[in-house]
Amino acid sequence: MLLRHSCHGFTPVARKQLLRPHTPQWPRVLVDRIGPRLYSTHSDRNPDIAILGAGISGLASAYYLLRDHPNAKITVYEASDRLGGWLQSHRAPVRDGSVLFEGALRTIRPAVNGALTLQLIEDLDLATDTIFTKSTAPAARNRYIYYPDHLVRLPHPSFGIFNILYTIATEKALAGVIPGVLGEPFRDPRDEKMSDESIGEFFSRRFNKSIVDRLASAVIHGIYAGDIWQLSAKSLFPRLWRDEAVESSIVTGMVRGRAEGIPMTEQDADFYMNLKKMQWDPAMKRVIDMTSVFTFKDGSQMLADRLAEHLMGSGQVTFAMESPVHAISALKGQDLVEVRTKSAAGPSRTHTHVVSALSPAHLNKVWAGSNALVPHIPTVNVMTVNLYFRTPNLHPDGFGYLIPQATPFEQNPERALGVVFDTAYAPDPAEAQSALRTKLTVMLGGHWWDGWSSFPDEQEGLALAKSLLERHLGIKEEPEAWRVNMQKDCIPQYVVGHSAKLKEAQNNISREFSGRLKVTGNWIAGVGVNDCIRNAYELSRSFNKGGTGLEQVDAPFTSRIRPVRAGEKHGSES
């Protein structure tokens, strides 16, 4: 089975009638069912590449490898009958049509790595199917946290200095922010022998524990669904970690970065310079300049489907669907890697190179060696509950709210991470010109569920979401439509010592495969879609250098460059 500026502050590049969900019909001649054992005769100039996994990392890797190495032959192995991995969009029937629900990804930011994603959207002719949320829209300006028993709107420059200071002075959630920031430059830097520490410990030393518990932990919930007292400061905030060591202060480092340029690794500096040289459609650039976040009319899966459609159309990429990889092994003396599918006695193929877009645990499982290639990297389980209500405006204007770890248990017994106001940033196009209903997504679990042997089922998840919304937002109405999505092991946790694990993995992979196996995915340099696309981009650019995809771990900061948004002109660099 195969794959088959408005009043709300959203700016489509061009108006277009609402389409049915994008479900490309793939030419069956290009869909491979693995047959008898074959041997590759391609040289490195004409590589025969296997990509393991057809999530966004695998699809983006195939895209950039095909672009940068036009003579490559690529086979993408996927265990399931669908492409896109965690990118899952569904339509649920409602009284007057249907409503779009997202299983995971909702929005993408245009800055930094997002500029690469935007160019990908242009290349795939997706711009007219993209919804851009203006930076002046309520969804861009109004973001909340829930502490201790009510929603707190976080300060935004547009609110004015008086309102910002009043909020900071009167809200318990923000207590300690001003003294913490003002006092940070005068605190002693860490011991030179310290190789890593948790984000919680790091920010507590540099600012204060109140900021960590009531504010920073909420942000970490929204991005990583993780425990701020377990995640690595060095891996997730490398620039701030560097600033403390080099500048003796985070604030001092940020001020200097704003004046002289942000310190970067050689790879990042090269990436920024390439971004500045990118050519943009003038209309697209004007939209990007006003954009806070963007999404797609028929959901995030449109990105995966359009990538797959492009790859299929090339004639050089074959998708081996429903072909779970059982084992990979380097063939000594042949400069080839064997990929065996389905079972130990199943069919196999050889390739000159393999790109693994699998999770570390899955890669270790399929490797034929006796020891793990990648040290254990923990993951968390997240349940998202989509709900659609007939009554409009059941939530305040804004993007949504996150729940910090310091919120009292009686205010969050459901162990929720936060709530996204879906109608605020991307109203369903079918309803954009009429009275908006209310669409929300409740995020549950993450590190709160660590150690649990079982998880809530669909009905229990729905009940938890409804209970939370009634307590926090006063919503007692029954949803007209809902969907529960259980995402197991979906977000890798960059715990303290993560970079050391990646260095060990680099050594193991290099030793066993001599440059024939490369890795990519959300466990390397960021968990977001933009990060995965950037990893794929860099892997392709360094493909012929014989590396593993992990060479940039702990790379030194050697340059200073003024950052840019998509389409900006050259800035200064040193």
Protein backbone atom coordinates (compact mmCIF):
# COMPACT_ATOMS: atom_id res chain seq x y z
CA MET A 1 0.00 0.00 0.00
CA LEU A 2 1.46 3.27 -1.09
CA LEU A 3 1.09 6.87 -0.22
CA ARG A 4 -1.51 7.39 -1.66
CA HIS A 5 -3.61 39.90 4.58
CA SER A 6 -6.60 38.58 6.05
CA CYS A 7 -8.40 39.91 9.15
CA HIS A 8 -6.90 37.11 11.21
CA GLY A 9 -3.30 38.04 10.49
CA PHE A 10 -2.64 35.19 8.05
CA THR A 11 -1.19 35.83 4.63
CA PRO A 12 -1.45 33.19 1.93
CA VAL A 13 0.92 33.97 -0.94
CA ALA A 14 -2.02 33.57 -3.29
CA ARG A 15 -5.67 32.75 -2.75
CA LYS A 16 -6.58 29.25 -3.80
CA GLN A 17 -9.67 27.11 -3.48
CA LEU A 18 -9.38 24.58 -0.65
CA LEU A 19 -8.12 21.28 -1.94
CA ARG A 20 -8.68 17.83 -0.65
CA PRO A 21 -5.78 16.35 1.33
CA HIS A 22 -2.74 16.10 -0.90
CA THR A 23 -2.42 12.37 -1.69
CA PRO A 24 -0.12 11.80 -4.65
CA GLN A 25 -0.57 8.65 -6.72
CA TRP A 26 2.86 7.18 -7.19
CA PRO A 27 3.83 5.43 -10.43
CA ARG A 28 3.99 1.77 -9.42
CA VAL A 29 7.04 1.17 -11.58
CA LEU A 30 9.04 3.31 -9.15
CA VAL A 31 7.94 1.47 -6.02
CA ASP A 32 10.28 -1.36 -5.26
CA ARG A 33 9.53 -4.62 -3.52
CA ILE A 34 12.91 -6.05 -2.59
CA GLY A 35 13.82 -9.00 -4.80
CA PRO A 36 16.85 -11.29 -5.07
CA ARG A 37 20.26 -10.28 -3.83
CA LEU A 38 21.90 -7.67 -6.03
CA TYR A 39 25.39 -6.18 -5.95
CA SER A 40 26.16 -2.58 -6.74
CA THR A 41 28.83 -1.73 -9.26
CA HIS A 42 28.62 2.05 -8.73
CA SER A 43 31.72 3.99 -7.79
CA ASP A 44 31.72 6.98 -5.46
CA ARG A 45 31.19 9.19 -8.51
CA ASN A 46 27.95 7.34 -9.16
CA PRO A 47 26.95 6.35 -5.64
CA ASP A 48 24.25 3.80 -4.94
CA ILE A 49 22.76 5.14 -1.70
CA ALA A 50 20.36 3.45 0.70
CA ILE A 51 18.37 5.72 3.00
CA LEU A 52 16.85 4.00 6.01
CA GLY A 53 13.58 5.64 7.02
CA ALA A 54 11.20 7.90 5.10
CA GLY A 55 10.39 10.48 7.74
CA ILE A 56 11.31 14.11 7.15
CA SER A 57 15.02 13.39 7.77
CA GLY A 58 15.11 10.57 5.23
CA LEU A 59 13.10 12.46 2.61
CA ALA A 60 15.15 15.64 2.99
CA SER A 61 18.37 13.62 2.77
CA ALA A 62 17.19 12.07 -0.49
CA TYR A 63 16.26 15.52 -1.82
CA TYR A 64 19.62 17.13 -1.13
CA LEU A 65 21.64 14.09 -2.18
CA LEU A 66 19.77 14.01 -5.49
CA ARG A 67 20.34 17.75 -5.96
CA ASP A 68 24.05 17.72 -5.06
CA HIS A 69 24.88 14.33 -6.60
CA PRO A 70 22.79 14.08 -9.78
CA ASN A 71 24.34 10.74 -10.78
CA ALA A 72 23.32 9.06 -7.54
CA LYS A 73 20.93 6.15 -7.44
CA ILE A 74 18.87 6.27 -4.23
CA THR A 75 16.72 3.65 -2.53
CA VAL A 76 14.59 4.74 0.43
CA TYR A 77 13.60 1.88 2.77
CA GLU A 78 10.45 2.43 4.81
CA ALA A 79 8.93 -0.11 7.22
CA SER A 80 5.38 1.26 7.04
CA ASP A 81 2.96 1.89 4.20
CA ARG A 82 3.18 5.69 4.46
CA LEU A 83 5.82 8.41 4.23
CA GLY A 84 6.48 11.33 6.55
CA GLY A 85 7.17 9.75 9.93
CA TRP A 86 5.89 12.07 12.66
CA LEU A 87 4.36 14.45 10.08
CA GLN A 88 0.75 13.28 10.26
CA SER A 89 -2.26 15.32 9.20
CA HIS A 90 -5.83 14.06 9.39
CA ARG A 91 -9.26 15.40 8.52
CA ALA A 92 -12.18 14.67 10.82
CA PRO A 93 -15.80 15.08 9.68
CA VAL A 94 -17.84 17.83 11.36
CA ARG A 95 -21.36 19.17 10.81
CA ASP A 96 -20.45 21.56 8.01
CA GLY A 97 -17.51 19.77 6.40
CA SER A 98 -14.24 18.64 7.94
CA VAL A 99 -11.58 19.91 10.31
CA LEU A 100 -7.84 19.48 10.02
CA PHE A 101 -5.99 17.87 12.93
CA GLU A 102 -2.22 17.67 13.26
CA GLY A 103 -0.61 14.72 15.03
CA ALA A 104 2.65 16.47 15.82
CA LEU A 105 4.15 19.44 13.91
CA ARG A 106 2.01 22.58 13.71
CA THR A 107 4.13 25.56 12.75
CA ILE A 108 7.62 26.34 11.48
CA ARG A 109 9.67 29.43 12.20
CA PRO A 110 11.29 31.23 9.25
CA ALA A 111 14.50 32.33 10.98
CA VAL A 112 17.90 30.57 10.83
CA ASN A 113 17.37 26.97 9.65
CA GLY A 114 13.82 27.92 8.72
CA ALA A 115 15.17 29.91 5.78
CA LEU A 116 16.39 26.62 4.33
CA THR A 117 12.92 25.13 4.79
CA LEU A 118 11.38 28.14 3.05
CA GLN A 119 13.62 27.71 0.05
CA LEU A 120 12.65 24.05 -0.04
CA ILE A 121 9.01 25.17 -0.09
CA GLU A 122 9.75 27.45 -3.05
CA ASP A 123 11.58 24.66 -4.89
CA LEU A 124 8.65 22.27 -4.33
CA ASP A 125 6.07 24.86 -5.43
CA LEU A 126 4.41 24.77 -2.02
CA ALA A 127 4.26 28.53 -1.42
CA THR A 128 0.64 28.88 -2.53
CA ASP A 129 -0.34 26.12 -0.09
CA THR A 130 1.41 27.81 2.83
CA ILE A 131 -0.25 29.94 5.51
CA PHE A 132 2.02 32.64 6.93
CA THR A 133 1.17 34.12 10.31
CA LYS A 134 2.13 37.78 10.49
CA SER A 135 4.50 38.96 13.18
CA THR A 136 1.81 41.51 14.17
CA ALA A 137 -0.90 38.87 14.65
CA PRO A 138 -2.11 37.97 18.16
CA ALA A 139 -0.73 34.47 17.67
CA ALA A 140 2.74 35.98 17.28
CA ARG A 141 2.53 38.47 20.15
CA ASN A 142 0.44 36.67 22.76
CA ARG A 143 2.04 33.63 24.35
CA TYR A 144 1.17 32.43 27.81
CA ILE A 145 2.30 30.23 30.65
CA TYR A 146 0.02 28.81 33.31
CA TYR A 147 1.28 29.64 36.81
CA PRO A 148 0.35 29.20 39.59
CA ASP A 149 -3.40 29.08 38.90
CA HIS A 150 -4.01 31.35 35.90
CA LEU A 151 -2.73 32.28 32.45
CA VAL A 152 0.13 34.79 32.37
CA ARG A 153 0.73 36.66 29.13
CA LEU A 154 4.47 36.87 28.53
CA PRO A 155 5.96 40.31 27.77
CA HIS A 156 6.35 41.33 24.15
CA PRO A 157 8.07 44.51 22.84
CA SER A 158 4.81 45.68 21.28
CA PHE A 159 3.17 45.97 24.72
CA GLY A 160 5.25 49.01 25.69
CA ILE A 161 7.76 49.40 28.50
CA PHE A 162 5.20 50.34 31.18
CA ASN A 163 3.03 47.26 30.59
CA ILE A 164 6.07 45.02 30.43
CA LEU A 165 7.46 46.29 33.74
CA TYR A 166 4.04 46.09 35.37
CA THR A 167 3.62 42.45 34.30
CA ILE A 168 7.08 41.53 35.55
CA ALA A 169 6.44 43.28 38.87
CA THR A 170 3.01 41.78 39.52
CA GLU A 171 3.16 38.22 38.20
CA LYS A 172 4.69 35.51 40.41
CA ALA A 173 5.70 33.60 37.29
CA LEU A 174 8.14 36.36 36.38
CA ALA A 175 9.45 37.08 39.87
CA GLY A 176 13.22 37.17 39.86
CA VAL A 177 13.60 38.00 36.17
CA ILE A 178 14.95 41.55 36.63
CA PRO A 179 17.38 40.83 39.50
CA GLY A 180 18.44 37.62 37.78
CA VAL A 181 19.30 39.34 34.50
CA LEU A 182 20.92 42.39 36.13
CA GLY A 183 23.03 40.28 38.44
CA GLU A 184 24.19 37.72 35.86
CA PRO A 185 27.25 39.64 34.57
CA PHE A 186 28.65 39.81 38.10
CA ARG A 187 28.52 36.08 38.84
CA ASP A 188 31.64 33.96 38.64
CA PRO A 189 31.96 31.65 35.63
CA ARG A 190 31.93 27.87 36.05
CA ASP A 191 34.95 25.77 36.92
CA GLU A 192 37.05 25.12 33.82
CA LYS A 193 36.93 21.38 34.54
CA MET A 194 33.13 21.24 34.21
CA SER A 195 32.34 19.44 30.96
CA ASP A 196 28.53 19.72 31.06
CA GLU A 197 25.56 20.28 33.37
CA SER A 198 21.79 20.41 33.18
CA ILE A 199 19.98 23.45 31.83
CA GLY A 200 18.36 23.86 35.23
CA GLU A 201 21.68 23.95 37.03
CA PHE A 202 23.22 26.21 34.41
CA PHE A 203 20.47 28.84 34.44
CA SER A 204 20.15 28.65 38.24
CA ARG A 205 23.85 29.52 38.57
CA ARG A 206 23.73 32.28 35.99
CA PHE A 207 20.29 33.75 36.88
CA ASN A 208 18.25 32.13 39.65
CA LYS A 209 16.17 29.03 40.35
CA SER A 210 12.88 30.91 40.17
CA ILE A 211 13.44 31.69 36.49
CA VAL A 212 14.22 28.03 35.85
CA ASP A 213 11.22 26.54 37.65
CA ARG A 214 8.56 29.05 36.61
CA LEU A 215 9.66 30.17 33.15
CA ALA A 216 12.48 28.24 31.48
CA SER A 217 11.01 24.84 32.34
CA ALA A 218 7.84 25.80 30.44
CA VAL A 219 9.86 26.62 27.32
CA ILE A 220 11.66 23.28 27.59
CA HIS A 221 8.28 21.54 27.89
CA GLY A 222 7.15 23.17 24.66
CA ILE A 223 10.21 22.19 22.63
CA TYR A 224 11.58 18.97 24.10
CA ALA A 225 8.79 17.73 26.44
CA GLY A 226 11.73 17.18 28.77
CA ASP A 227 12.96 17.75 32.30
CA ILE A 228 15.03 20.92 32.52
CA TRP A 229 17.02 19.31 35.35
CA GLN A 230 18.12 16.46 33.08
CA LEU A 231 18.73 18.05 29.67
CA SER A 232 22.18 19.24 28.66
CA ALA A 233 23.01 22.95 28.70
CA LYS A 234 26.09 22.36 26.56
CA SER A 235 24.15 20.54 23.81
CA LEU A 236 20.96 22.62 23.74
CA PHE A 237 22.43 26.06 24.48
CA PRO A 238 25.96 25.76 23.05
CA ARG A 239 26.35 29.48 22.42
CA LEU A 240 25.39 30.45 25.96
CA TRP A 241 27.62 27.69 27.31
CA ARG A 242 30.46 29.14 25.27
CA ASP A 243 29.70 32.73 26.35
CA GLU A 244 30.05 31.87 30.02
CA ALA A 245 33.46 30.31 29.41
CA VAL A 246 34.83 32.94 27.00
CA GLU A 247 33.05 36.14 28.08
CA SER A 248 32.51 35.15 31.75
CA SER A 249 28.85 36.13 31.30
CA ILE A 250 25.86 35.19 29.17
CA VAL A 251 24.57 38.79 29.10
CA THR A 252 27.98 40.15 28.15
CA GLY A 253 28.27 37.57 25.38
CA MET A 254 24.84 38.48 24.03
CA VAL A 255 25.64 42.21 24.05
CA ARG A 256 28.91 41.63 22.25
CA GLY A 257 27.21 39.31 19.78
CA ARG A 258 24.66 41.97 18.95
CA ALA A 259 27.38 44.57 18.42
CA GLU A 260 30.06 42.48 16.70
CA GLY A 261 28.24 39.45 15.36
CA ILE A 262 27.24 36.11 16.82
CA PRO A 263 30.06 33.59 17.37
CA MET A 264 29.68 30.55 15.13
CA THR A 265 31.36 27.35 14.08
CA GLU A 266 32.93 27.21 10.65
CA GLN A 267 30.02 25.12 9.36
CA ASP A 268 27.42 27.56 10.70
CA ALA A 269 29.29 30.53 9.26
CA ASP A 270 29.42 28.85 5.87
CA PHE A 271 25.71 28.07 6.12
CA TYR A 272 24.81 31.68 6.93
CA MET A 273 26.86 33.01 4.05
CA ASN A 274 25.14 30.60 1.67
CA LEU A 275 21.75 31.73 2.98
CA LYS A 276 22.64 35.33 2.22
CA LYS A 277 23.38 34.38 -1.37
CA MET A 278 20.05 32.64 -1.92
CA GLN A 279 17.76 34.17 -4.51
CA TRP A 280 14.18 34.81 -3.42
CA ASP A 281 11.04 35.62 -5.32
CA PRO A 282 10.30 39.28 -4.42
CA ALA A 283 6.69 38.54 -3.42
CA MET A 284 7.82 35.63 -1.27
CA LYS A 285 10.46 37.76 0.40
CA ARG A 286 7.92 40.46 1.31
CA VAL A 287 5.73 37.84 2.96
CA ILE A 288 8.65 36.26 4.83
CA ASP A 289 9.72 39.64 6.18
CA MET A 290 6.34 39.95 7.94
CA THR A 291 6.11 36.32 9.11
CA SER A 292 6.29 34.90 12.60
CA VAL A 293 5.51 31.25 11.79
CA PHE A 294 4.07 29.33 8.86
CA THR A 295 2.17 26.13 8.23
CA PHE A 296 0.34 24.39 5.37
CA LYS A 297 -3.29 24.52 4.27
CA ASP A 298 -3.74 20.77 4.38
CA GLY A 299 -1.32 20.10 7.21
CA SER A 300 2.34 19.33 7.73
CA GLN A 301 2.09 16.09 5.81
CA MET A 302 1.89 18.19 2.64
CA LEU A 303 5.63 18.84 3.02
CA ALA A 304 6.43 15.12 3.17
CA ASP A 305 4.07 14.28 0.31
CA ARG A 306 5.45 17.00 -1.95
CA LEU A 307 9.02 15.92 -1.21
CA ALA A 308 8.13 12.33 -2.09
CA GLU A 309 6.35 13.44 -5.26
CA HIS A 310 9.45 15.37 -6.33
CA LEU A 311 11.73 12.43 -5.63
CA MET A 312 9.47 9.99 -7.49
CA GLY A 313 9.41 12.29 -10.48
CA SER A 314 13.21 12.28 -10.74
CA GLY A 315 13.33 8.66 -11.90
CA GLN A 316 16.42 8.12 -9.74
CA VAL A 317 14.78 7.46 -6.38
CA THR A 318 13.07 4.18 -5.53
CA PHE A 319 10.85 3.75 -2.47
CA ALA A 320 10.89 0.30 -0.89
CA MET A 321 7.68 0.50 1.10
CA GLU A 322 6.69 -1.96 3.83
CA SER A 323 10.31 -3.10 3.85
CA PRO A 324 11.59 -2.97 7.43
CA VAL A 325 15.36 -3.19 7.56
CA HIS A 326 16.47 -6.25 9.50
CA ALA A 327 20.25 -5.85 9.36
CA ILE A 328 23.04 -3.76 7.88
CA SER A 329 26.68 -4.82 7.69
CA ALA A 330 29.86 -3.62 6.04
CA LEU A 331 31.27 -6.09 3.49
CA LYS A 332 34.95 -6.20 4.23
CA GLY A 333 37.23 -5.51 1.30
CA GLN A 334 34.39 -4.55 -1.02
CA ASP A 335 33.62 -0.96 0.08
CA LEU A 336 29.95 -1.93 0.17
CA VAL A 337 27.23 -2.10 2.79
CA GLU A 338 24.67 -4.89 2.76
CA VAL A 339 21.07 -4.05 3.67
CA ARG A 340 18.84 -7.01 4.56
CA THR A 341 15.10 -6.53 4.93
CA LYS A 342 12.13 -8.18 6.59
CA SER A 343 13.86 -11.10 8.35
CA ALA A 344 17.25 -12.74 8.92
CA ALA A 345 16.63 -14.93 5.88
CA GLY A 346 15.08 -12.13 3.89
CA PRO A 347 16.30 -10.55 0.65
CA SER A 348 19.25 -8.16 0.64
CA ARG A 349 20.95 -5.54 -1.48
CA THR A 350 24.32 -3.89 -1.39
CA HIS A 351 24.96 -0.17 -1.64
CA THR A 352 28.04 1.99 -1.80
CA HIS A 353 26.65 4.13 1.03
CA VAL A 354 23.92 3.98 3.65
CA VAL A 355 22.29 6.99 5.29
CA SER A 356 20.48 6.08 8.48
CA ALA A 357 17.54 8.30 9.40
CA LEU A 358 16.55 5.78 12.07
CA SER A 359 16.52 6.44 15.78
CA PRO A 360 19.70 5.42 17.64
CA ALA A 361 17.88 2.48 19.28
CA HIS A 362 16.62 1.26 15.90
CA LEU A 363 20.05 1.67 14.28
CA ASN A 364 21.66 -0.35 17.05
CA LYS A 365 19.03 -3.04 16.58
CA VAL A 366 19.65 -3.48 12.84
CA TRP A 367 23.43 -3.30 13.00
CA ALA A 368 24.95 -6.77 12.72
CA GLY A 369 27.75 -6.03 15.20
CA SER A 370 27.87 -7.12 18.82
CA ASN A 371 28.22 -3.68 20.45
CA ALA A 372 26.00 -0.62 20.10
CA LEU A 373 27.01 1.91 17.46
CA VAL A 374 25.32 4.74 19.36
CA PRO A 375 25.24 4.94 23.18
CA HIS A 376 21.77 4.94 24.72
CA ILE A 377 19.86 8.17 24.08
CA PRO A 378 16.63 8.32 26.09
CA THR A 379 13.33 9.39 24.55
CA VAL A 380 9.95 10.59 25.82
CA ASN A 381 6.40 9.66 24.90
CA VAL A 382 3.94 12.43 24.08
CA MET A 383 0.19 12.25 23.62
CA THR A 384 -1.53 15.05 21.72
CA VAL A 385 -5.29 15.46 21.90
CA ASN A 386 -6.96 17.51 19.15
CA LEU A 387 -10.37 18.98 19.99
CA TYR A 388 -12.85 20.97 17.90
CA PHE A 389 -15.71 22.95 19.45
CA ARG A 390 -18.63 24.64 17.72
CA THR A 391 -18.47 27.70 19.94
CA PRO A 392 -15.90 30.26 18.76
CA ASN A 393 -13.40 32.14 20.91
CA LEU A 394 -13.22 29.71 23.82
CA HIS A 395 -9.61 30.73 24.42
CA PRO A 396 -7.86 34.11 24.64
CA ASP A 397 -6.14 35.58 21.59
CA GLY A 398 -2.72 34.06 21.20
CA PHE A 399 -0.67 31.02 20.21
CA GLY A 400 -1.30 28.97 23.34
CA TYR A 401 0.24 28.34 26.73
CA LEU A 402 2.90 26.16 28.33
CA ILE A 403 2.91 24.74 31.83
CA PRO A 404 6.13 25.05 33.88
CA GLN A 405 7.30 22.38 36.30
CA ALA A 406 6.59 24.70 39.25
CA THR A 407 2.84 24.80 38.58
CA PRO A 408 1.18 23.14 41.59
CA PHE A 409 0.08 19.53 41.09
CA GLU A 410 -3.55 20.35 41.90
CA GLN A 411 -3.54 22.70 38.89
CA ASN A 412 -2.03 20.08 36.57
CA PRO A 413 -2.80 16.56 37.79
CA GLU A 414 -3.17 15.50 34.13
CA ARG A 415 0.59 16.03 33.71
CA ALA A 416 0.09 18.23 30.67
CA LEU A 417 2.89 20.13 28.94
CA GLY A 418 0.77 22.85 27.36
CA VAL A 419 -2.10 23.76 25.06
CA VAL A 420 -1.93 25.11 21.50
CA PHE A 421 -4.68 27.42 20.22
CA ASP A 422 -4.81 26.00 16.70
CA THR A 423 -7.46 28.40 15.38
CA ALA A 424 -5.27 31.35 16.37
CA TYR A 425 -2.30 30.63 14.10
CA ALA A 426 -3.87 28.66 11.25
CA PRO A 427 -7.64 28.72 10.84
CA ASP A 428 -8.97 26.01 8.59
CA PRO A 429 -9.18 27.60 5.10
CA ALA A 430 -12.75 26.32 4.77
CA GLU A 431 -13.76 28.54 7.70
CA ALA A 432 -11.33 31.43 7.33
CA GLN A 433 -13.95 33.79 5.95
CA SER A 434 -16.74 32.80 8.33
CA ALA A 435 -17.15 32.66 12.09
CA LEU A 436 -14.19 30.73 13.47
CA ARG A 437 -14.84 27.78 15.70
CA THR A 438 -12.43 26.74 18.45
CA LYS A 439 -9.71 24.19 17.76
CA LEU A 440 -7.19 23.23 20.44
CA THR A 441 -4.45 20.70 20.98
CA VAL A 442 -3.53 19.50 24.47
CA MET A 443 -0.03 18.05 24.91
CA LEU A 444 0.34 15.39 27.62
CA GLY A 445 3.16 13.32 29.04
CA GLY A 446 6.76 13.85 28.03
CA HIS A 447 9.14 13.47 30.95
CA TRP A 448 6.17 13.33 33.36
CA TRP A 449 5.57 9.80 32.06
CA ASP A 450 9.17 8.60 32.46
CA GLY A 451 9.20 5.15 34.04
CA TRP A 452 5.52 4.45 33.35
CA SER A 453 4.85 0.89 32.23
CA SER A 454 1.59 1.81 30.48
CA PHE A 455 -0.02 4.96 29.14
CA PRO A 456 -3.54 6.39 28.84
CA ASP A 457 -5.69 4.94 26.07
CA GLU A 458 -7.74 7.12 23.70
CA GLN A 459 -10.71 7.61 25.99
CA GLU A 460 -8.49 8.30 28.99
CA GLY A 461 -6.43 10.78 26.98
CA LEU A 462 -9.58 12.57 25.86
CA ALA A 463 -10.84 12.71 29.45
CA LEU A 464 -7.53 14.16 30.65
CA ALA A 465 -7.60 16.86 27.95
CA LYS A 466 -11.20 17.84 28.73
CA SER A 467 -10.46 17.99 32.46
CA LEU A 468 -7.48 20.28 31.88
CA LEU A 469 -9.41 22.61 29.56
CA GLU A 470 -12.29 22.92 32.00
CA ARG A 471 -9.96 23.84 34.88
CA HIS A 472 -7.69 26.22 32.95
CA LEU A 473 -10.02 27.76 30.35
CA GLY A 474 -13.49 27.05 31.72
CA ILE A 475 -14.48 24.97 28.67
CA LYS A 476 -17.33 22.62 29.59
CA GLU A 477 -18.70 22.12 26.09
CA GLU A 478 -18.37 18.66 24.53
CA PRO A 479 -16.11 18.67 21.45
CA GLU A 480 -17.80 18.02 18.13
CA ALA A 481 -14.70 16.22 16.87
CA TRP A 482 -11.53 14.97 18.51
CA ARG A 483 -8.49 12.84 17.85
CA VAL A 484 -5.92 11.31 20.20
CA ASN A 485 -2.38 10.76 18.89
CA MET A 486 0.07 8.65 20.91
CA GLN A 487 3.64 9.34 19.81
CA LYS A 488 5.92 6.78 21.45
CA ASP A 489 9.64 7.52 21.77
CA CYS A 490 9.08 10.60 19.61
CA ILE A 491 11.51 13.15 21.07
CA PRO A 492 15.11 12.21 21.90
CA GLN A 493 16.36 13.70 25.15
CA TYR A 494 19.71 15.49 24.99
CA VAL A 495 20.58 14.68 28.59
CA VAL A 496 23.80 15.77 30.31
CA GLY A 497 26.71 14.18 28.47
CA HIS A 498 24.88 14.05 25.13
CA SER A 499 27.75 15.47 23.09
CA ALA A 500 30.13 12.87 24.55
CA LYS A 501 27.72 10.16 23.39
CA LEU A 502 27.70 11.61 19.88
CA LYS A 503 31.50 11.66 19.78
CA GLU A 504 31.55 8.01 20.83
CA ALA A 505 29.00 7.21 18.12
CA GLN A 506 31.14 9.02 15.55
CA ASN A 507 34.16 6.92 16.48
CA ASN A 508 32.18 3.67 16.43
CA ILE A 509 30.54 4.32 13.07
CA SER A 510 33.77 5.50 11.47
CA ARG A 511 35.64 2.44 12.73
CA GLU A 512 33.03 -0.08 11.58
CA PHE A 513 31.98 1.45 8.25
CA SER A 514 34.91 3.62 7.07
CA GLY A 515 32.69 6.43 5.79
CA ARG A 516 30.08 4.15 4.17
CA LEU A 517 27.46 4.75 6.87
CA LYS A 518 26.23 8.25 7.67
CA VAL A 519 23.59 9.26 10.19
CA THR A 520 21.01 12.00 10.39
CA GLY A 521 17.89 12.70 12.42
CA ASN A 522 16.46 14.62 15.34
CA TRP A 523 18.91 13.16 17.87
CA ILE A 524 21.94 15.01 16.50
CA ALA A 525 21.53 18.79 16.31
CA GLY A 526 17.95 19.70 17.14
CA VAL A 527 14.54 18.03 17.35
CA GLY A 528 12.53 20.31 15.03
CA VAL A 529 11.69 19.95 11.36
CA ASN A 530 14.00 22.84 10.48
CA ASP A 531 16.84 21.10 12.32
CA CYS A 532 16.21 17.81 10.52
CA ILE A 533 16.22 19.54 7.13
CA ARG A 534 19.43 21.38 8.04
CA ASN A 535 21.09 18.10 9.08
CA ALA A 536 20.12 16.56 5.75
CA TYR A 537 21.49 19.59 3.91
CA GLU A 538 24.85 19.40 5.71
CA LEU A 539 25.09 15.64 5.26
CA SER A 540 24.76 16.01 1.51
CA ARG A 541 27.29 18.84 1.33
CA SER A 542 29.91 16.76 3.16
CA PHE A 543 28.93 13.46 1.55
CA ASN A 544 32.18 12.91 -0.34
CA LYS A 545 34.38 13.70 2.66
CA GLY A 546 33.98 10.24 4.13
CA GLY A 547 32.49 11.32 7.43
CA THR A 548 29.63 10.03 9.54
CA GLY A 549 27.38 13.08 9.84
CA LEU A 550 28.64 13.74 13.38
CA GLU A 551 31.85 15.66 12.64
CA GLN A 552 30.48 18.99 13.87
CA VAL A 553 29.81 17.80 17.41
CA ASP A 554 31.66 20.15 19.81
CA ALA A 555 33.15 22.11 16.90
CA PRO A 556 34.87 25.33 18.05
CA PHE A 557 33.41 28.79 17.46
CA THR A 558 35.74 30.42 14.97
CA SER A 559 33.72 33.21 13.28
CA ARG A 560 31.35 36.05 14.04
CA ILE A 561 28.50 36.74 11.64
CA ARG A 562 25.39 38.87 11.87
CA PRO A 563 22.41 36.50 11.57
CA VAL A 564 19.85 36.91 8.81
CA ARG A 565 16.29 36.03 8.01
CA ALA A 566 15.37 34.49 4.69
CA GLY A 567 16.07 36.90 1.85
CA GLU A 568 18.18 39.40 3.79
CA LYS A 569 21.22 40.92 2.15
CA HIS A 570 24.81 40.40 3.25
CA GLY A 571 25.84 41.47 6.71
CA SER A 572 29.25 41.78 8.29
CA GLU A 573 31.42 38.82 9.10
CA SER A 574 34.86 38.23 10.50
